[in-house]
Amino acid sequence: MGVTFLQHRIVTGLYSSSARCKVKLNGKFNRSLINKTEILYMIYGVVCVVYIYLICLLMAGAVDTAGDITEPKFYRTYNIGQHVAPDWNGLLNGATVVILTLAYSRQNGNSIAWIYRYVCPHRYRSAKCSGAQYISNMLTIWTTMLNLMLLVICNTSILNPGPGGNDNNTHLRVMYQNLRGLVPFSGLGKTNMPLDSNKLLELQSKIYKDKPDVIILTETWLSKEHLDSEILPDNIYKVYRKDRSKRSHPPDPNNASKFRRKGGGVLIAVKTNIDIDNDKVDISCKAEILSVSLRTNSTNYCITACYRVGTLGEENLKEIDRHLRDVAGCKKFHAHFVVGDFNFPEINWEVNQSSTRLGQKFIDLFNELGLTQMIDRPTHEKGKILDLLFSNLVGAVDNIVVLGKNEICSSDHFGITFALKMNFRTKLTKKKKVPTATLR
């Protein structure tokens, strides 16, 4: 029994109801008529390959560009296709593989089939849609998808907005350092004391890199002839200073060697682009101590910088005592933070005991005010804890780090960084308009 042509094609799997051909009785082909749907599918596949190829090209270029951003350049140009061009054939082959994978998964019902099911423009074709309308719908959908992907690739701020205006912050970053003078020691005896340009550059470089919100400096050795803008840019930080004077560091009539007319001094600087009201706490005191209030809608802190010369005695203790008690008497402050160099190497802060009577009086003062000392590592090159951090709200202080020697600037003291838990916002910086002159 013979096998017909149709039976043979059905058995071998070559039969397709959509493919038809007309044959004359003389055995010669007149014309092969392929279904319009098959042509549209072929066009659709070609368009998919082209668009996926373009997407792969742009993504590869974006990755290549992102690798160049890490280079420290002020001005740069991007040649996106420079390293991608040699691999264009690979990208095209990859796009073709993607299309074939989708087609295979649709045929066999694999997990990738849902992509074709919901992305294929054929899904949105109506029964009355013509071939031209179908191609138009297909191009519209794929063009829209491509544009969305291009927006994400070219404008990364959509996915990662980064820091902008009015961002909420929860920690106020503070940096402290005993400078041992921004004036060379040889220049202290001069009428116009020159600044130590090398140390000043070290300090400014560290500040520019870390961008702390509050800066506390002791032993600045500055005087009224030095401008705040020489130390820190006045458009970035608001500076509060208390330079050495006969009032803040009175000479001892019984021992003239205890008094150095120039030197000492404390400084507190607060960033201008943070939404925190700050002002100097007006307390008259005959000591090198300075307090600044930091106030937001929900929080009001006081931060104090202090420098105590180790040779000073009871009178200096009384002045510091009075200043700290006056701050504690201000009920408006939710917390008080005291930072500075107190020059008490004889005090063991683990057990709060001192081998000297004066040191024990300072310990008793801090205990009475509820101030807890939070530095447990040496802050001086000789292994002593001289620079201290006190707070009556220990839970508000976080991330205390004692830095290495000369990490901020050249000094025999180590720097300290910490954070204060405080909710505040960053102000949106307004660009200054440069006036332009008109020629007539």
Foldseek 3Di string as FASTA:
>chain_A
DDDDPVRVCVVVVNDDPQFDADADPVGDGDDGDHDPVVVLVVVLLVVQLVLQLVLVLLLQLLVVVVVVVPDPDPDDDGDSCPVVVVCSVVSSVVSNVVSVVQVVCCVVVHPSVVCCVPQPLVVVDDPPDDPVNSVVSSVVSSVVVSVVSCCCSVPVCVVPVPDAFFDKDFKQKEKEDAQLEQFPPVQLPPPDTDGNVQQLVLQVVVCVVPVGQKYKYKFHQDDPVDDPCVRPNVQFKDKDKDFDACQAFPADPVDRVSDDHTIIIMMMIGTPQWPWDKDWDDDDFNHRKTKMWTDDPVAIEIEMEHEADPVDADRRVVRVLVVVVVVLVPVRHPKYKYKYFHPQQQADLVVGDGPDPRSNVVSVSCVVSQWHWDDDWPFFLVGGNGITMIMNCVVQKADWDFADACNNHHDRTTMIMIIGGDIITGHHDDDDDDDDDDDD
